[in-house]
PDB file of N, CA and C in Angstrom:
ATOM      1  N   UNK A   1      55.773  46.946 -55.308  1.00  0.00           N
ATOM      2  CA  UNK A   1      56.146  45.747 -54.791  1.00  0.00           C
ATOM      3  C   UNK A   1      57.617  45.715 -55.093  1.00  0.00           C
ATOM      4  N   UNK A   2      57.826  45.856 -56.366  1.00  0.00           N
ATOM      5  CA  UNK A   2      59.108  45.438 -57.013  1.00  0.00           C
ATOM      6  C   UNK A   2      60.413  46.357 -56.228  1.00  0.00           C
ATOM      7  N   UNK A   3      59.930  47.733 -55.897  1.00  0.00           N
ATOM      8  CA  UNK A   3      60.742  48.692 -55.167  1.00  0.00           C
ATOM      9  C   UNK A   3      60.857  48.185 -53.890  1.00  0.00           C
ATOM     10  N   UNK A   4      60.079  47.957 -53.236  1.00  0.00           N
ATOM     11  CA  UNK A   4      60.134  47.373 -51.629  1.00  0.00           C
ATOM     12  C   UNK A   4      60.726  45.960 -51.675  1.00  0.00           C
ATOM     13  N   UNK A   5      60.535  45.591 -52.587  1.00  0.00           N
ATOM     14  CA  UNK A   5      61.468  44.129 -52.707  1.00  0.00           C
ATOM     15  C   UNK A   5      63.116  44.183 -52.755  1.00  0.00           C
ATOM     16  N   UNK A   6      63.576  45.629 -53.873  1.00  0.00           N
ATOM     17  CA  UNK A   6      64.864  45.872 -54.412  1.00  0.00           C
ATOM     18  C   UNK A   6      65.451  46.435 -52.655  1.00  0.00           C
ATOM     19  N   UNK A   7      64.516  47.406 -52.233  1.00  0.00           N
ATOM     20  CA  UNK A   7      64.976  47.979 -50.453  1.00  0.00           C
ATOM     21  C   UNK A   7      65.320  46.672 -49.804  1.00  0.00           C
ATOM     22  N   UNK A   8      64.655  45.658 -49.600  1.00  0.00           N
ATOM     23  CA  UNK A   8      64.348  44.769 -48.790  1.00  0.00           C
ATOM     24  C   UNK A   8      66.050  43.867 -48.938  1.00  0.00           C
ATOM     25  N   UNK A   9      66.138  43.736 -50.337  1.00  0.00           N
ATOM     26  CA  UNK A   9      67.530  42.957 -50.925  1.00  0.00           C
ATOM     27  C   UNK A   9      68.340  43.621 -50.331  1.00  0.00           C
ATOM     28  N   UNK A  10      68.563  44.941 -50.442  1.00  0.00           N
ATOM     29  CA  UNK A  10      69.340  45.804 -50.355  1.00  0.00           C
ATOM     30  C   UNK A  10      69.658  45.883 -48.583  1.00  0.00           C
ATOM     31  N   UNK A  11      68.895  45.636 -47.641  1.00  0.00           N
ATOM     32  CA  UNK A  11      68.900  45.705 -46.320  1.00  0.00           C
ATOM     33  C   UNK A  11      69.471  44.396 -45.778  1.00  0.00           C
ATOM     34  N   UNK A  12      69.252  43.107 -46.546  1.00  0.00           N
ATOM     35  CA  UNK A  12      69.585  41.869 -45.925  1.00  0.00           C
ATOM     36  C   UNK A  12      71.037  41.835 -46.541  1.00  0.00           C
ATOM     37  N   UNK A  13      71.426  42.147 -47.883  1.00  0.00           N
ATOM     38  CA  UNK A  13      72.602  42.253 -48.334  1.00  0.00           C
ATOM     39  C   UNK A  13      73.653  43.217 -47.335  1.00  0.00           C
ATOM     40  N   UNK A  14      73.009  44.161 -46.774  1.00  0.00           N
ATOM     41  CA  UNK A  14      73.900  45.218 -46.236  1.00  0.00           C
ATOM     42  C   UNK A  14      74.138  44.834 -44.537  1.00  0.00           C
ATOM     43  N   UNK A  15      73.167  43.451 -44.248  1.00  0.00           N
ATOM     44  CA  UNK A  15      73.380  42.940 -43.154  1.00  0.00           C
ATOM     45  C   UNK A  15      73.962  41.671 -42.938  1.00  0.00           C
ATOM     46  N   UNK A  16      74.159  41.518 -44.400  1.00  0.00           N
ATOM     47  CA  UNK A  16      74.748  40.228 -44.355  1.00  0.00           C
ATOM     48  C   UNK A  16      74.220  38.913 -44.359  1.00  0.00           C
ATOM     49  N   UNK A  17      72.772  38.881 -44.432  1.00  0.00           N
ATOM     50  CA  UNK A  17      72.025  38.189 -44.454  1.00  0.00           C
ATOM     51  C   UNK A  17      71.601  37.412 -45.912  1.00  0.00           C
ATOM     52  N   UNK A  18      71.327  36.045 -45.817  1.00  0.00           N
ATOM     53  CA  UNK A  18      70.577  35.813 -47.103  1.00  0.00           C
ATOM     54  C   UNK A  18      69.284  35.656 -47.347  1.00  0.00           C
ATOM     55  N   UNK A  19      68.663  35.871 -48.286  1.00  0.00           N
ATOM     56  CA  UNK A  19      67.388  35.925 -48.739  1.00  0.00           C
ATOM     57  C   UNK A  19      66.861  34.145 -48.758  1.00  0.00           C
ATOM     58  N   UNK A  20      65.882  33.720 -47.979  1.00  0.00           N
ATOM     59  CA  UNK A  20      65.492  32.683 -48.177  1.00  0.00           C
ATOM     60  C   UNK A  20      64.561  32.377 -49.199  1.00  0.00           C
ATOM     61  N   UNK A  21      63.540  33.319 -49.466  1.00  0.00           N
ATOM     62  CA  UNK A  21      62.850  33.129 -50.792  1.00  0.00           C
ATOM     63  C   UNK A  21      62.056  34.167 -50.432  1.00  0.00           C
ATOM     64  N   UNK A  22      61.342  34.723 -51.617  1.00  0.00           N
ATOM     65  CA  UNK A  22      60.032  35.800 -52.095  1.00  0.00           C
ATOM     66  C   UNK A  22      58.757  34.623 -51.900  1.00  0.00           C
ATOM     67  N   UNK A  23      57.973  35.239 -50.993  1.00  0.00           N
ATOM     68  CA  UNK A  23      56.633  34.824 -51.023  1.00  0.00           C
ATOM     69  C   UNK A  23      55.501  35.627 -51.221  1.00  0.00           C
ATOM     70  N   UNK A  24      54.675  35.928 -51.743  1.00  0.00           N
ATOM     71  CA  UNK A  24      53.691  37.041 -52.663  1.00  0.00           C
ATOM     72  C   UNK A  24      52.141  36.720 -51.327  1.00  0.00           C
ATOM     73  N   UNK A  25      52.492  37.969 -50.801  1.00  0.00           N
ATOM     74  CA  UNK A  25      51.282  38.180 -49.659  1.00  0.00           C
ATOM     75  C   UNK A  25      49.985  38.553 -50.673  1.00  0.00           C
ATOM     76  N   UNK A  26      48.716  38.038 -50.110  1.00  0.00           N
ATOM     77  CA  UNK A  26      47.451  38.279 -50.179  1.00  0.00           C
ATOM     78  C   UNK A  26      47.468  38.477 -51.997  1.00  0.00           C
ATOM     79  N   UNK A  27      47.784  37.296 -52.870  1.00  0.00           N
ATOM     80  CA  UNK A  27      47.657  37.290 -54.110  1.00  0.00           C
ATOM     81  C   UNK A  27      46.120  37.413 -54.599  1.00  0.00           C
ATOM     82  N   UNK A  28      45.470  38.372 -55.524  1.00  0.00           N
ATOM     83  CA  UNK A  28      44.295  38.169 -55.776  1.00  0.00           C
ATOM     84  C   UNK A  28      43.529  37.251 -56.541  1.00  0.00           C
ATOM     85  N   UNK A  29      42.652  37.077 -56.398  1.00  0.00           N
ATOM     86  CA  UNK A  29      41.998  35.846 -57.515  1.00  0.00           C
ATOM     87  C   UNK A  29      41.973  36.180 -59.000  1.00  0.00           C
ATOM     88  N   UNK A  30      41.950  37.833 -59.499  1.00  0.00           N
ATOM     89  CA  UNK A  30      41.936  37.926 -60.424  1.00  0.00           C
ATOM     90  C   UNK A  30      42.955  39.349 -60.643  1.00  0.00           C
ATOM     91  N   UNK A  31      44.623  38.857 -60.849  1.00  0.00           N
ATOM     92  CA  UNK A  31      45.520  39.831 -60.596  1.00  0.00           C
ATOM     93  C   UNK A  31      45.326  40.455 -61.928  1.00  0.00           C
ATOM     94  N   UNK A  32      46.147  42.013 -61.760  1.00  0.00           N
ATOM     95  CA  UNK A  32      45.919  42.596 -62.741  1.00  0.00           C
ATOM     96  C   UNK A  32      47.056  42.791 -63.510  1.00  0.00           C
ATOM     97  N   UNK A  33      47.501  43.102 -65.034  1.00  0.00           N
ATOM     98  CA  UNK A  33      48.400  42.956 -65.735  1.00  0.00           C
ATOM     99  C   UNK A  33      49.850  43.217 -65.158  1.00  0.00           C
ATOM    100  N   UNK A  34      49.975  44.044 -64.223  1.00  0.00           N
ATOM    101  CA  UNK A  34      50.779  44.462 -63.530  1.00  0.00           C
ATOM    102  C   UNK A  34      51.463  43.917 -62.509  1.00  0.00           C
ATOM    103  N   UNK A  35      50.676  43.143 -61.885  1.00  0.00           N
ATOM    104  CA  UNK A  35      50.657  41.964 -61.092  1.00  0.00           C
ATOM    105  C   UNK A  35      51.504  40.691 -61.625  1.00  0.00           C
ATOM    106  N   UNK A  36      50.775  40.144 -62.793  1.00  0.00           N
ATOM    107  CA  UNK A  36      51.402  39.413 -63.363  1.00  0.00           C
ATOM    108  C   UNK A  36      52.572  39.598 -64.140  1.00  0.00           C
ATOM    109  N   UNK A  37      52.887  41.097 -64.659  1.00  0.00           N
ATOM    110  CA  UNK A  37      54.249  41.135 -65.122  1.00  0.00           C
ATOM    111  C   UNK A  37      55.096  41.043 -63.976  1.00  0.00           C
ATOM    112  N   UNK A  38      55.106  41.267 -62.602  1.00  0.00           N
ATOM    113  CA  UNK A  38      55.887  41.481 -61.628  1.00  0.00           C
ATOM    114  C   UNK A  38      56.430  40.256 -61.175  1.00  0.00           C
ATOM    115  N   UNK A  39      55.968  39.037 -61.397  1.00  0.00           N
ATOM    116  CA  UNK A  39      56.151  37.502 -60.956  1.00  0.00           C
ATOM    117  C   UNK A  39      57.766  37.692 -61.596  1.00  0.00           C
ATOM    118  N   UNK A  40      57.689  37.383 -62.946  1.00  0.00           N
ATOM    119  CA  UNK A  40      59.283  37.091 -63.255  1.00  0.00           C
ATOM    120  C   UNK A  40      60.212  38.419 -62.671  1.00  0.00           C
ATOM    121  N   UNK A  41      59.593  39.786 -62.951  1.00  0.00           N
ATOM    122  CA  UNK A  41      60.498  40.731 -62.449  1.00  0.00           C
ATOM    123  C   UNK A  41      60.794  40.214 -61.230  1.00  0.00           C
ATOM    124  N   UNK A  42      60.047  39.891 -60.072  1.00  0.00           N
ATOM    125  CA  UNK A  42      60.604  39.532 -58.780  1.00  0.00           C
ATOM    126  C   UNK A  42      61.682  38.314 -58.562  1.00  0.00           C
ATOM    127  N   UNK A  43      61.389  37.395 -59.228  1.00  0.00           N
ATOM    128  CA  UNK A  43      62.117  36.114 -59.525  1.00  0.00           C
ATOM    129  C   UNK A  43      63.750  36.845 -60.059  1.00  0.00           C
ATOM    130  N   UNK A  44      63.751  37.421 -60.869  1.00  0.00           N
ATOM    131  CA  UNK A  44      64.820  38.280 -61.505  1.00  0.00           C
ATOM    132  C   UNK A  44      65.734  39.192 -60.537  1.00  0.00           C
ATOM    133  N   UNK A  45      65.182  39.923 -60.010  1.00  0.00           N
ATOM    134  CA  UNK A  45      65.381  40.673 -58.916  1.00  0.00           C
ATOM    135  C   UNK A  45      66.211  40.027 -57.936  1.00  0.00           C
ATOM    136  N   UNK A  46      65.038  39.274 -57.435  1.00  0.00           N
ATOM    137  CA  UNK A  46      65.592  37.967 -56.239  1.00  0.00           C
ATOM    138  C   UNK A  46      66.717  37.023 -56.687  1.00  0.00           C
ATOM    139  N   UNK A  47      66.457  36.480 -57.900  1.00  0.00           N
ATOM    140  CA  UNK A  47      67.461  35.793 -58.392  1.00  0.00           C
ATOM    141  C   UNK A  47      67.312  34.310 -57.927  1.00  0.00           C
ATOM    142  N   UNK A  48      66.199  33.780 -57.944  1.00  0.00           N
ATOM    143  CA  UNK A  48      65.323  33.007 -57.667  1.00  0.00           C
ATOM    144  C   UNK A  48      64.040  32.747 -57.597  1.00  0.00           C
ATOM    145  N   UNK A  49      63.517  31.401 -57.987  1.00  0.00           N
ATOM    146  CA  UNK A  49      61.931  31.527 -58.166  1.00  0.00           C
ATOM    147  C   UNK A  49      61.336  31.780 -56.694  1.00  0.00           C
ATOM    148  N   UNK A  50      60.253  32.312 -57.056  1.00  0.00           N
ATOM    149  CA  UNK A  50      58.774  32.420 -55.898  1.00  0.00           C
ATOM    150  C   UNK A  50      58.947  30.986 -55.062  1.00  0.00           C
ATOM    151  N   UNK A  51      58.871  31.399 -53.764  1.00  0.00           N
ATOM    152  CA  UNK A  51      58.926  30.371 -52.755  1.00  0.00           C
ATOM    153  C   UNK A  51      57.465  30.266 -52.419  1.00  0.00           C
ATOM    154  N   UNK A  52      56.423  31.152 -52.746  1.00  0.00           N
ATOM    155  CA  UNK A  52      55.029  31.019 -52.292  1.00  0.00           C
ATOM    156  C   UNK A  52      54.085  32.242 -53.062  1.00  0.00           C
ATOM    157  N   UNK A  53      53.171  32.198 -52.775  1.00  0.00           N
ATOM    158  CA  UNK A  53      52.112  33.113 -53.335  1.00  0.00           C
ATOM    159  C   UNK A  53      50.647  32.923 -52.268  1.00  0.00           C
ATOM    160  N   UNK A  54      50.581  33.498 -50.882  1.00  0.00           N
ATOM    161  CA  UNK A  54      49.276  33.368 -50.182  1.00  0.00           C
ATOM    162  C   UNK A  54      48.287  33.979 -50.856  1.00  0.00           C
ATOM    163  N   UNK A  55      46.725  33.561 -50.573  1.00  0.00           N
ATOM    164  CA  UNK A  55      45.915  34.111 -51.448  1.00  0.00           C
ATOM    165  C   UNK A  55      45.004  34.893 -50.610  1.00  0.00           C
ATOM    166  N   UNK A  56      44.671  36.237 -51.567  1.00  0.00           N
ATOM    167  CA  UNK A  56      44.032  37.198 -51.025  1.00  0.00           C
ATOM    168  C   UNK A  56      43.135  36.774 -49.839  1.00  0.00           C
ATOM    169  N   UNK A  57      43.033  37.224 -48.479  1.00  0.00           N
ATOM    170  CA  UNK A  57      42.289  37.173 -47.366  1.00  0.00           C
ATOM    171  C   UNK A  57      42.535  35.779 -46.588  1.00  0.00           C
ATOM    172  N   UNK A  58      43.982  35.328 -47.179  1.00  0.00           N
ATOM    173  CA  UNK A  58      44.219  34.042 -46.281  1.00  0.00           C
ATOM    174  C   UNK A  58      44.166  34.514 -44.606  1.00  0.00           C
ATOM    175  N   UNK A  59      44.783  35.800 -44.609  1.00  0.00           N
ATOM    176  CA  UNK A  59      45.126  35.948 -43.106  1.00  0.00           C
ATOM    177  C   UNK A  59      43.794  35.905 -41.799  1.00  0.00           C
ATOM    178  N   UNK A  60      42.749  36.281 -42.571  1.00  0.00           N
ATOM    179  CA  UNK A  60      41.211  35.788 -42.000  1.00  0.00           C
ATOM    180  C   UNK A  60      40.781  34.895 -41.743  1.00  0.00           C
ATOM    181  N   UNK A  61      41.149  33.507 -42.410  1.00  0.00           N
ATOM    182  CA  UNK A  61      41.040  32.448 -42.489  1.00  0.00           C
ATOM    183  C   UNK A  61      41.008  31.580 -41.063  1.00  0.00           C
ATOM    184  N   UNK A  62      40.266  30.860 -40.968  1.00  0.00           N
ATOM    185  CA  UNK A  62      39.908  29.949 -39.404  1.00  0.00           C
ATOM    186  C   UNK A  62      41.231  29.315 -39.399  1.00  0.00           C
ATOM    187  N   UNK A  63      41.718  29.237 -38.242  1.00  0.00           N
ATOM    188  CA  UNK A  63      43.248  28.536 -37.924  1.00  0.00           C
ATOM    189  C   UNK A  63      43.868  27.303 -38.995  1.00  0.00           C
ATOM    190  N   UNK A  64      42.358  26.194 -38.879  1.00  0.00           N
ATOM    191  CA  UNK A  64      42.742  25.028 -39.405  1.00  0.00           C
ATOM    192  C   UNK A  64      42.690  25.239 -40.757  1.00  0.00           C
ATOM    193  N   UNK A  65      41.809  26.573 -41.640  1.00  0.00           N
ATOM    194  CA  UNK A  65      41.771  26.583 -43.175  1.00  0.00           C
ATOM    195  C   UNK A  65      43.278  27.178 -43.368  1.00  0.00           C
ATOM    196  N   UNK A  66      43.729  28.053 -42.296  1.00  0.00           N
ATOM    197  CA  UNK A  66      44.582  28.466 -42.682  1.00  0.00           C
ATOM    198  C   UNK A  66      45.923  27.900 -42.925  1.00  0.00           C
ATOM    199  N   UNK A  67      46.053  26.583 -41.862  1.00  0.00           N
ATOM    200  CA  UNK A  67      47.077  25.909 -42.246  1.00  0.00           C
ATOM    201  C   UNK A  67      47.325  25.084 -43.667  1.00  0.00           C
ATOM    202  N   UNK A  68      45.983  24.539 -43.892  1.00  0.00           N
ATOM    203  CA  UNK A  68      45.815  23.808 -45.284  1.00  0.00           C
ATOM    204  C   UNK A  68      46.196  25.165 -46.596  1.00  0.00           C
ATOM    205  N   UNK A  69      45.740  25.974 -46.224  1.00  0.00           N
ATOM    206  CA  UNK A  69      46.171  27.457 -47.381  1.00  0.00           C
ATOM    207  C   UNK A  69      47.671  27.643 -47.281  1.00  0.00           C
ATOM    208  N   UNK A  70      48.364  27.479 -46.319  1.00  0.00           N
ATOM    209  CA  UNK A  70      49.653  27.760 -46.228  1.00  0.00           C
ATOM    210  C   UNK A  70      50.517  26.593 -46.850  1.00  0.00           C
ATOM    211  N   UNK A  71      50.025  25.599 -46.780  1.00  0.00           N
ATOM    212  CA  UNK A  71      50.386  24.128 -47.111  1.00  0.00           C
ATOM    213  C   UNK A  71      50.530  24.141 -48.790  1.00  0.00           C
ATOM    214  N   UNK A  72      49.397  25.022 -49.189  1.00  0.00           N
ATOM    215  CA  UNK A  72      49.341  24.909 -50.687  1.00  0.00           C
ATOM    216  C   UNK A  72      49.818  25.901 -51.520  1.00  0.00           C
ATOM    217  N   UNK A  73      50.257  27.005 -50.309  1.00  0.00           N
ATOM    218  CA  UNK A  73      50.669  28.400 -50.636  1.00  0.00           C
ATOM    219  C   UNK A  73      52.159  28.433 -50.459  1.00  0.00           C
ATOM    220  N   UNK A  74      52.817  27.778 -49.834  1.00  0.00           N
ATOM    221  CA  UNK A  74      54.058  28.077 -49.611  1.00  0.00           C
ATOM    222  C   UNK A  74      55.011  26.586 -50.541  1.00  0.00           C
ATOM    223  N   UNK A  75      56.168  27.030 -50.749  1.00  0.00           N
ATOM    224  CA  UNK A  75      56.861  26.064 -51.465  1.00  0.00           C
ATOM    225  C   UNK A  75      57.619  24.784 -50.576  1.00  0.00           C
ATOM    226  N   UNK A  76      58.380  24.023 -50.879  1.00  0.00           N
ATOM    227  CA  UNK A  76      58.896  23.057 -50.315  1.00  0.00           C
ATOM    228  C   UNK A  76      59.876  23.672 -49.528  1.00  0.00           C
ATOM    229  N   UNK A  77      60.581  24.589 -49.826  1.00  0.00           N
ATOM    230  CA  UNK A  77      61.732  25.169 -48.608  1.00  0.00           C
ATOM    231  C   UNK A  77      60.808  25.834 -47.517  1.00  0.00           C
ATOM    232  N   UNK A  78      59.749  25.661 -47.352  1.00  0.00           N
ATOM    233  CA  UNK A  78      58.712  26.178 -46.351  1.00  0.00           C
ATOM    234  C   UNK A  78      57.701  25.119 -45.904  1.00  0.00           C
ATOM    235  N   UNK A  79      58.029  23.962 -46.410  1.00  0.00           N
ATOM    236  CA  UNK A  79      57.483  22.667 -45.914  1.00  0.00           C
ATOM    237  C   UNK A  79      55.678  22.583 -46.779  1.00  0.00           C
ATOM    238  N   UNK A  80      55.708  23.028 -47.653  1.00  0.00           N
ATOM    239  CA  UNK A  80      54.494  23.369 -48.627  1.00  0.00           C
ATOM    240  C   UNK A  80      54.477  22.803 -50.104  1.00  0.00           C
ATOM    241  N   UNK A  81      53.362  22.644 -50.793  1.00  0.00           N
ATOM    242  CA  UNK A  81      53.788  22.269 -52.314  1.00  0.00           C
ATOM    243  C   UNK A  81      53.410  23.027 -53.320  1.00  0.00           C
ATOM    244  N   UNK A  82      53.695  24.251 -52.987  1.00  0.00           N
ATOM    245  CA  UNK A  82      53.958  25.380 -54.416  1.00  0.00           C
ATOM    246  C   UNK A  82      54.826  25.608 -55.043  1.00  0.00           C
ATOM    247  N   UNK A  83      54.139  25.383 -56.464  1.00  0.00           N
ATOM    248  CA  UNK A  83      54.720  24.965 -57.835  1.00  0.00           C
ATOM    249  C   UNK A  83      54.958  26.235 -58.501  1.00  0.00           C
ATOM    250  N   UNK A  84      56.428  26.928 -58.082  1.00  0.00           N
ATOM    251  CA  UNK A  84      56.646  28.453 -58.910  1.00  0.00           C
ATOM    252  C   UNK A  84      56.332  28.310 -60.365  1.00  0.00           C
ATOM    253  N   UNK A  85      56.536  27.334 -61.062  1.00  0.00           N
ATOM    254  CA  UNK A  85      56.846  27.157 -62.524  1.00  0.00           C
ATOM    255  C   UNK A  85      55.302  27.156 -62.949  1.00  0.00           C
ATOM    256  N   UNK A  86      54.582  26.321 -62.224  1.00  0.00           N
ATOM    257  CA  UNK A  86      53.141  26.190 -62.345  1.00  0.00           C
ATOM    258  C   UNK A  86      52.238  27.540 -62.323  1.00  0.00           C
ATOM    259  N   UNK A  87      52.446  28.332 -61.054  1.00  0.00           N
ATOM    260  CA  UNK A  87      52.164  29.508 -60.899  1.00  0.00           C
ATOM    261  C   UNK A  87      52.366  30.724 -61.891  1.00  0.00           C
ATOM    262  N   UNK A  88      53.952  30.594 -62.367  1.00  0.00           N
ATOM    263  CA  UNK A  88      54.330  31.456 -63.221  1.00  0.00           C
ATOM    264  C   UNK A  88      53.377  31.117 -64.699  1.00  0.00           C
ATOM    265  N   UNK A  89      53.582  29.986 -65.354  1.00  0.00           N
ATOM    266  CA  UNK A  89      52.550  29.414 -66.643  1.00  0.00           C
ATOM    267  C   UNK A  89      51.460  30.316 -65.930  1.00  0.00           C
ATOM    268  N   UNK A  90      50.549  29.638 -65.136  1.00  0.00           N
ATOM    269  CA  UNK A  90      49.384  29.974 -64.644  1.00  0.00           C
ATOM    270  C   UNK A  90      49.200  31.626 -64.964  1.00  0.00           C
ATOM    271  N   UNK A  91      49.638  32.859 -64.876  1.00  0.00           N
ATOM    272  CA  UNK A  91      49.740  33.823 -64.737  1.00  0.00           C
ATOM    273  C   UNK A  91      50.629  34.569 -65.735  1.00  0.00           C
ATOM    274  N   UNK A  92      51.073  34.267 -66.444  1.00  0.00           N
ATOM    275  CA  UNK A  92      51.840  34.475 -67.751  1.00  0.00           C
ATOM    276  C   UNK A  92      50.938  35.633 -68.326  1.00  0.00           C
ATOM    277  N   UNK A  93      51.714  36.969 -68.601  1.00  0.00           N
ATOM    278  CA  UNK A  93      50.634  37.698 -69.019  1.00  0.00           C
ATOM    279  C   UNK A  93      50.519  37.944 -70.507  1.00  0.00           C
ATOM    280  N   UNK A  94      51.752  37.055 -71.278  1.00  0.00           N
ATOM    281  CA  UNK A  94      51.565  36.707 -72.892  1.00  0.00           C
ATOM    282  C   UNK A  94      50.454  35.341 -72.554  1.00  0.00           C
ATOM    283  N   UNK A  95      50.062  34.984 -71.900  1.00  0.00           N
ATOM    284  CA  UNK A  95      48.791  34.192 -72.343  1.00  0.00           C
ATOM    285  C   UNK A  95      48.262  33.281 -72.044  1.00  0.00           C
TER     286      UNK A  95
END
């Protein structure tokens, strides 16, 4: 994830495009330690807080259910209610 993000950021910069935000896709219910550590690393790499985290399996949801998940999983930048600080705290590897 970190390498793919770094390459994407490089491609955006090379094309003069600005990053709108980082959204984690397919976030598992029980992320492992590496995934939990990557949260802060991604925010540092992107120089901004997460803009969302879609839960694993969200794409297979019924359209009406997906709309609810999207609103909960995307930050205000994308019209949702996701709270990056709360997410970061919830999955803090230290505790």
